Amino acid sequence: MKKLYIVKSTQDFEKIIKAQNFSKNQSFIIYEKKNNLPYDRFGISVSKKLGNAVYRNKYKRKIRAIIDKYKKNYNNNKDYIIIFRKGGENKLFQDLEQDFLNLMLKKRKDI
């Protein structure tokens, strides 16, 4: 994923989360907010409570791989914050992928 498509700043994270437009399941919470850019941006968060830096980065890489694989399916000029939850720890990659896609489809239907 290119740096252009990443939400990094704390202020942006807070704005998106304060908009309180979210969906959740056992593995993820996904917040979204409309942006004024011609592309989507994604921010990924894994809590320190879940493990050390190696563990958190492993799950961030998995989430980025899922986003890159399906980014053509959700091109709607929004910012997304994806928070990984404890319920997704013991799931296989395919199960995480399915959970993510189900939430994104749910977000699309809510529009």
N, C-alpha and C. Protein backbone atom coordinates (compact mmCIF):
# COMPACT_ATOMS: atom_id res chain seq x y z
N MET A 1 0.84 -1.16 0.00
CA MET A 1 0.00 0.00 0.00
C MET A 1 0.90 1.24 0.00
N LYS A 2 0.62 2.17 -0.88
CA LYS A 2 1.41 3.39 -0.97
C LYS A 2 1.13 4.30 0.22
N LYS A 3 2.11 5.12 0.57
CA LYS A 3 1.96 6.05 1.69
C LYS A 3 0.82 7.02 1.47
N LEU A 4 0.52 7.30 0.23
CA LEU A 4 -0.57 8.20 -0.13
C LEU A 4 -1.90 7.70 0.41
N TYR A 5 -2.06 6.40 0.52
CA TYR A 5 -3.34 5.79 0.91
C TYR A 5 -3.41 5.43 2.39
N ILE A 6 -2.53 6.02 3.20
CA ILE A 6 -2.48 5.68 4.62
C ILE A 6 -2.86 6.88 5.47
N VAL A 7 -3.71 6.66 6.46
CA VAL A 7 -4.02 7.67 7.46
C VAL A 7 -3.01 7.50 8.57
N LYS A 8 -2.20 8.52 8.83
CA LYS A 8 -1.13 8.41 9.83
C LYS A 8 -1.35 9.30 11.04
N SER A 9 -1.82 10.51 10.82
CA SER A 9 -1.83 11.49 11.90
C SER A 9 -2.89 11.18 12.96
N THR A 10 -2.57 11.51 14.19
CA THR A 10 -3.48 11.30 15.30
C THR A 10 -4.75 12.13 15.13
N GLN A 11 -4.62 13.33 14.59
CA GLN A 11 -5.78 14.19 14.39
C GLN A 11 -6.76 13.56 13.41
N ASP A 12 -6.23 12.98 12.34
CA ASP A 12 -7.10 12.33 11.36
C ASP A 12 -7.80 11.12 11.98
N PHE A 13 -7.06 10.32 12.75
CA PHE A 13 -7.66 9.18 13.43
C PHE A 13 -8.82 9.64 14.31
N GLU A 14 -8.58 10.69 15.10
CA GLU A 14 -9.60 11.19 16.02
C GLU A 14 -10.83 11.72 15.28
N LYS A 15 -10.63 12.44 14.18
CA LYS A 15 -11.75 12.97 13.40
C LYS A 15 -12.62 11.84 12.86
N ILE A 16 -11.98 10.81 12.34
CA ILE A 16 -12.71 9.69 11.74
C ILE A 16 -13.47 8.93 12.82
N ILE A 17 -12.84 8.70 13.96
CA ILE A 17 -13.49 7.95 15.03
C ILE A 17 -14.62 8.77 15.66
N LYS A 18 -14.44 10.09 15.78
CA LYS A 18 -15.49 10.93 16.36
C LYS A 18 -16.71 11.02 15.46
N ALA A 19 -16.57 10.74 14.18
CA ALA A 19 -17.72 10.74 13.28
C ALA A 19 -18.70 9.62 13.64
N GLN A 20 -18.23 8.61 14.35
CA GLN A 20 -19.02 7.51 14.89
C GLN A 20 -19.85 6.77 13.85
N ASN A 21 -19.32 6.64 12.65
CA ASN A 21 -19.96 5.83 11.62
C ASN A 21 -19.13 4.55 11.52
N PHE A 22 -19.58 3.48 12.18
CA PHE A 22 -18.76 2.28 12.26
C PHE A 22 -19.59 1.01 12.15
N SER A 23 -18.88 -0.06 11.83
CA SER A 23 -19.43 -1.42 11.83
C SER A 23 -18.43 -2.29 12.56
N LYS A 24 -18.92 -3.35 13.19
CA LYS A 24 -17.98 -4.21 13.90
C LYS A 24 -18.44 -5.65 13.84
N ASN A 25 -17.47 -6.53 14.02
CA ASN A 25 -17.73 -7.95 14.18
C ASN A 25 -16.71 -8.48 15.18
N GLN A 26 -16.54 -9.78 15.23
CA GLN A 26 -15.65 -10.37 16.22
C GLN A 26 -14.18 -9.99 16.00
N SER A 27 -13.79 -9.76 14.76
CA SER A 27 -12.38 -9.52 14.43
C SER A 27 -12.00 -8.05 14.25
N PHE A 28 -12.93 -7.22 13.79
CA PHE A 28 -12.60 -5.84 13.41
C PHE A 28 -13.67 -4.86 13.85
N ILE A 29 -13.25 -3.60 13.99
CA ILE A 29 -14.15 -2.45 14.03
C ILE A 29 -13.66 -1.55 12.90
N ILE A 30 -14.57 -1.16 12.03
CA ILE A 30 -14.19 -0.29 10.91
C ILE A 30 -14.99 1.01 10.99
N TYR A 31 -14.26 2.11 11.18
CA TYR A 31 -14.84 3.45 11.17
C TYR A 31 -14.63 4.03 9.78
N GLU A 32 -15.57 4.88 9.35
CA GLU A 32 -15.40 5.52 8.05
C GLU A 32 -15.87 6.97 8.10
N LYS A 33 -15.29 7.76 7.23
CA LYS A 33 -15.68 9.17 7.09
C LYS A 33 -15.36 9.60 5.67
N LYS A 34 -16.23 10.38 5.08
CA LYS A 34 -16.03 10.89 3.72
C LYS A 34 -14.83 11.84 3.71
N ASN A 35 -14.00 11.73 2.66
CA ASN A 35 -12.90 12.68 2.50
C ASN A 35 -13.05 13.43 1.18
N ASN A 36 -12.26 14.45 0.97
CA ASN A 36 -12.34 15.25 -0.24
C ASN A 36 -11.22 14.90 -1.22
N LEU A 37 -10.78 13.66 -1.17
CA LEU A 37 -9.69 13.20 -2.02
C LEU A 37 -10.24 12.23 -3.06
N PRO A 38 -9.57 12.05 -4.18
CA PRO A 38 -10.06 11.14 -5.22
C PRO A 38 -9.71 9.67 -4.96
N TYR A 39 -9.36 9.33 -3.73
CA TYR A 39 -8.98 7.95 -3.40
C TYR A 39 -9.34 7.67 -1.94
N ASP A 40 -9.33 6.39 -1.59
CA ASP A 40 -9.58 5.97 -0.22
C ASP A 40 -8.28 5.97 0.56
N ARG A 41 -8.39 6.19 1.88
CA ARG A 41 -7.23 6.08 2.77
C ARG A 41 -7.58 5.14 3.91
N PHE A 42 -6.58 4.44 4.40
CA PHE A 42 -6.80 3.45 5.45
C PHE A 42 -5.83 3.68 6.60
N GLY A 43 -6.34 3.54 7.81
CA GLY A 43 -5.52 3.55 9.00
C GLY A 43 -5.75 2.24 9.72
N ILE A 44 -4.69 1.63 10.20
CA ILE A 44 -4.79 0.33 10.86
C ILE A 44 -4.29 0.47 12.29
N SER A 45 -5.03 -0.12 13.22
CA SER A 45 -4.65 -0.06 14.62
C SER A 45 -4.77 -1.44 15.26
N VAL A 46 -3.71 -1.83 15.97
CA VAL A 46 -3.71 -3.06 16.75
C VAL A 46 -3.24 -2.67 18.14
N SER A 47 -4.03 -2.98 19.15
CA SER A 47 -3.76 -2.55 20.52
C SER A 47 -2.50 -3.19 21.10
N LYS A 48 -1.82 -2.44 21.94
CA LYS A 48 -0.65 -2.98 22.65
C LYS A 48 -1.05 -4.09 23.61
N LYS A 49 -2.30 -4.13 24.01
CA LYS A 49 -2.79 -5.17 24.91
C LYS A 49 -2.75 -6.55 24.26
N LEU A 50 -2.75 -6.60 22.94
CA LEU A 50 -2.78 -7.88 22.24
C LEU A 50 -1.40 -8.54 22.15
N GLY A 51 -0.33 -7.76 22.20
CA GLY A 51 0.99 -8.37 22.11
C GLY A 51 2.09 -7.36 21.86
N ASN A 52 3.30 -7.90 21.65
CA ASN A 52 4.45 -7.03 21.42
C ASN A 52 4.45 -6.48 19.99
N ALA A 53 5.44 -5.70 19.66
CA ALA A 53 5.49 -5.02 18.36
C ALA A 53 5.54 -6.01 17.20
N VAL A 54 6.26 -7.11 17.37
CA VAL A 54 6.35 -8.11 16.30
C VAL A 54 4.97 -8.67 16.01
N TYR A 55 4.23 -9.00 17.05
CA TYR A 55 2.88 -9.55 16.92
C TYR A 55 1.95 -8.54 16.25
N ARG A 56 1.98 -7.28 16.70
CA ARG A 56 1.10 -6.25 16.14
C ARG A 56 1.41 -5.99 14.68
N ASN A 57 2.70 -5.95 14.33
CA ASN A 57 3.08 -5.71 12.94
C ASN A 57 2.67 -6.87 12.04
N LYS A 58 2.70 -8.08 12.55
CA LYS A 58 2.27 -9.25 11.79
C LYS A 58 0.81 -9.10 11.37
N TYR A 59 -0.04 -8.67 12.30
CA TYR A 59 -1.45 -8.50 11.97
C TYR A 59 -1.69 -7.28 11.09
N LYS A 60 -0.89 -6.24 11.24
CA LYS A 60 -1.01 -5.09 10.34
C LYS A 60 -0.67 -5.49 8.91
N ARG A 61 0.36 -6.32 8.74
CA ARG A 61 0.72 -6.80 7.41
C ARG A 61 -0.40 -7.63 6.80
N LYS A 62 -1.04 -8.46 7.61
CA LYS A 62 -2.16 -9.27 7.12
C LYS A 62 -3.31 -8.38 6.67
N ILE A 63 -3.62 -7.37 7.45
CA ILE A 63 -4.72 -6.47 7.11
C ILE A 63 -4.38 -5.68 5.84
N ARG A 64 -3.13 -5.21 5.72
CA ARG A 64 -2.71 -4.50 4.50
C ARG A 64 -2.82 -5.39 3.27
N ALA A 65 -2.48 -6.67 3.42
CA ALA A 65 -2.58 -7.61 2.30
C ALA A 65 -4.04 -7.76 1.86
N ILE A 66 -4.94 -7.82 2.81
CA ILE A 66 -6.37 -7.93 2.48
C ILE A 66 -6.84 -6.66 1.77
N ILE A 67 -6.44 -5.51 2.28
CA ILE A 67 -6.83 -4.24 1.66
C ILE A 67 -6.31 -4.17 0.23
N ASP A 68 -5.05 -4.49 0.02
CA ASP A 68 -4.47 -4.43 -1.32
C ASP A 68 -5.16 -5.38 -2.29
N LYS A 69 -5.54 -6.53 -1.80
CA LYS A 69 -6.18 -7.53 -2.65
C LYS A 69 -7.55 -7.07 -3.13
N TYR A 70 -8.28 -6.36 -2.29
CA TYR A 70 -9.66 -6.00 -2.62
C TYR A 70 -9.90 -4.50 -2.76
N LYS A 71 -8.86 -3.69 -2.93
CA LYS A 71 -9.05 -2.24 -2.95
C LYS A 71 -9.89 -1.75 -4.13
N LYS A 72 -9.98 -2.50 -5.20
CA LYS A 72 -10.81 -2.09 -6.33
C LYS A 72 -12.30 -2.19 -6.00
N ASN A 73 -12.65 -3.00 -5.01
CA ASN A 73 -14.05 -3.21 -4.65
C ASN A 73 -14.65 -2.05 -3.86
N TYR A 74 -13.83 -1.21 -3.25
CA TYR A 74 -14.36 -0.13 -2.43
C TYR A 74 -13.64 1.17 -2.72
N ASN A 75 -13.89 1.71 -3.88
CA ASN A 75 -13.32 3.00 -4.27
C ASN A 75 -14.42 4.05 -4.16
N ASN A 76 -14.56 4.66 -2.98
CA ASN A 76 -15.65 5.60 -2.78
C ASN A 76 -15.23 6.86 -2.02
N ASN A 77 -13.95 7.22 -2.09
CA ASN A 77 -13.44 8.47 -1.52
C ASN A 77 -13.74 8.62 -0.04
N LYS A 78 -13.34 7.63 0.75
CA LYS A 78 -13.55 7.66 2.19
C LYS A 78 -12.26 7.33 2.91
N ASP A 79 -12.22 7.76 4.17
CA ASP A 79 -11.14 7.36 5.06
C ASP A 79 -11.67 6.26 5.96
N TYR A 80 -10.88 5.23 6.15
CA TYR A 80 -11.27 4.11 7.00
C TYR A 80 -10.23 3.92 8.11
N ILE A 81 -10.71 3.64 9.31
CA ILE A 81 -9.86 3.22 10.41
C ILE A 81 -10.26 1.79 10.73
N ILE A 82 -9.31 0.87 10.65
CA ILE A 82 -9.56 -0.53 10.90
C ILE A 82 -8.87 -0.89 12.21
N ILE A 83 -9.67 -1.28 13.19
CA ILE A 83 -9.14 -1.66 14.49
C ILE A 83 -9.26 -3.17 14.62
N PHE A 84 -8.14 -3.81 14.86
CA PHE A 84 -8.12 -5.26 15.02
C PHE A 84 -8.51 -5.60 16.45
N ARG A 85 -9.42 -6.57 16.61
CA ARG A 85 -9.92 -6.93 17.93
C ARG A 85 -9.35 -8.27 18.39
N LYS A 86 -9.42 -8.50 19.67
CA LYS A 86 -8.88 -9.72 20.28
C LYS A 86 -9.55 -10.98 19.72
N GLY A 87 -10.79 -10.89 19.30
CA GLY A 87 -11.51 -12.04 18.76
C GLY A 87 -10.93 -12.58 17.46
N GLY A 88 -10.08 -11.83 16.80
CA GLY A 88 -9.50 -12.27 15.53
C GLY A 88 -8.14 -12.93 15.67
N GLU A 89 -7.64 -13.02 16.89
CA GLU A 89 -6.28 -13.52 17.11
C GLU A 89 -6.05 -14.94 16.59
N ASN A 90 -6.95 -15.82 16.88
CA ASN A 90 -6.72 -17.23 16.57
C ASN A 90 -7.35 -17.67 15.25
N LYS A 91 -7.75 -16.71 14.43
CA LYS A 91 -8.37 -17.05 13.16
C LYS A 91 -7.33 -17.19 12.06
N LEU A 92 -7.65 -18.00 11.08
CA LEU A 92 -6.81 -18.15 9.90
C LEU A 92 -6.94 -16.90 9.03
N PHE A 93 -5.98 -16.72 8.14
CA PHE A 93 -5.98 -15.55 7.25
C PHE A 93 -7.27 -15.50 6.43
N GLN A 94 -7.73 -16.65 5.92
CA GLN A 94 -8.94 -16.69 5.11
C GLN A 94 -10.16 -16.24 5.92
N ASP A 95 -10.20 -16.59 7.20
CA ASP A 95 -11.32 -16.18 8.05
C ASP A 95 -11.27 -14.67 8.31
N LEU A 96 -10.08 -14.14 8.54
CA LEU A 96 -9.93 -12.69 8.73
C LEU A 96 -10.36 -11.95 7.46
N GLU A 97 -9.96 -12.50 6.32
CA GLU A 97 -10.31 -11.90 5.03
C GLU A 97 -11.83 -11.87 4.86
N GLN A 98 -12.50 -12.96 5.20
CA GLN A 98 -13.95 -13.04 5.07
C GLN A 98 -14.64 -12.08 6.03
N ASP A 99 -14.15 -11.98 7.25
CA ASP A 99 -14.72 -11.04 8.22
C ASP A 99 -14.60 -9.60 7.71
N PHE A 100 -13.43 -9.26 7.17
CA PHE A 100 -13.20 -7.92 6.64
C PHE A 100 -14.15 -7.62 5.47
N LEU A 101 -14.26 -8.56 4.55
CA LEU A 101 -15.13 -8.36 3.38
C LEU A 101 -16.59 -8.23 3.78
N ASN A 102 -17.02 -9.02 4.76
CA ASN A 102 -18.40 -8.91 5.23
C ASN A 102 -18.69 -7.53 5.81
N LEU A 103 -17.74 -6.98 6.58
CA LEU A 103 -17.94 -5.64 7.13
C LEU A 103 -17.96 -4.58 6.03
N MET A 104 -17.08 -4.70 5.06
CA MET A 104 -17.04 -3.71 3.98
C MET A 104 -18.32 -3.78 3.14
N LEU A 105 -18.85 -4.97 2.92
CA LEU A 105 -20.12 -5.10 2.20
C LEU A 105 -21.26 -4.50 3.01
N LYS A 106 -21.21 -4.69 4.32
CA LYS A 106 -22.23 -4.11 5.20
C LYS A 106 -22.16 -2.58 5.13
N LYS A 107 -20.94 -2.01 5.10
CA LYS A 107 -20.77 -0.56 5.01
C LYS A 107 -21.34 -0.05 3.67
N ARG A 108 -21.13 -0.81 2.60
CA ARG A 108 -21.61 -0.41 1.30
C ARG A 108 -23.14 -0.40 1.26
N LYS A 109 -23.78 -1.37 1.92
CA LYS A 109 -25.24 -1.44 1.95
C LYS A 109 -25.85 -0.33 2.79
N ASP A 110 -25.10 0.15 3.79
CA ASP A 110 -25.60 1.21 4.66
C ASP A 110 -25.68 2.54 3.95
N ILE A 111 -24.98 2.70 2.86
CA ILE A 111 -24.92 3.99 2.15
C ILE A 111 -26.23 4.30 1.46
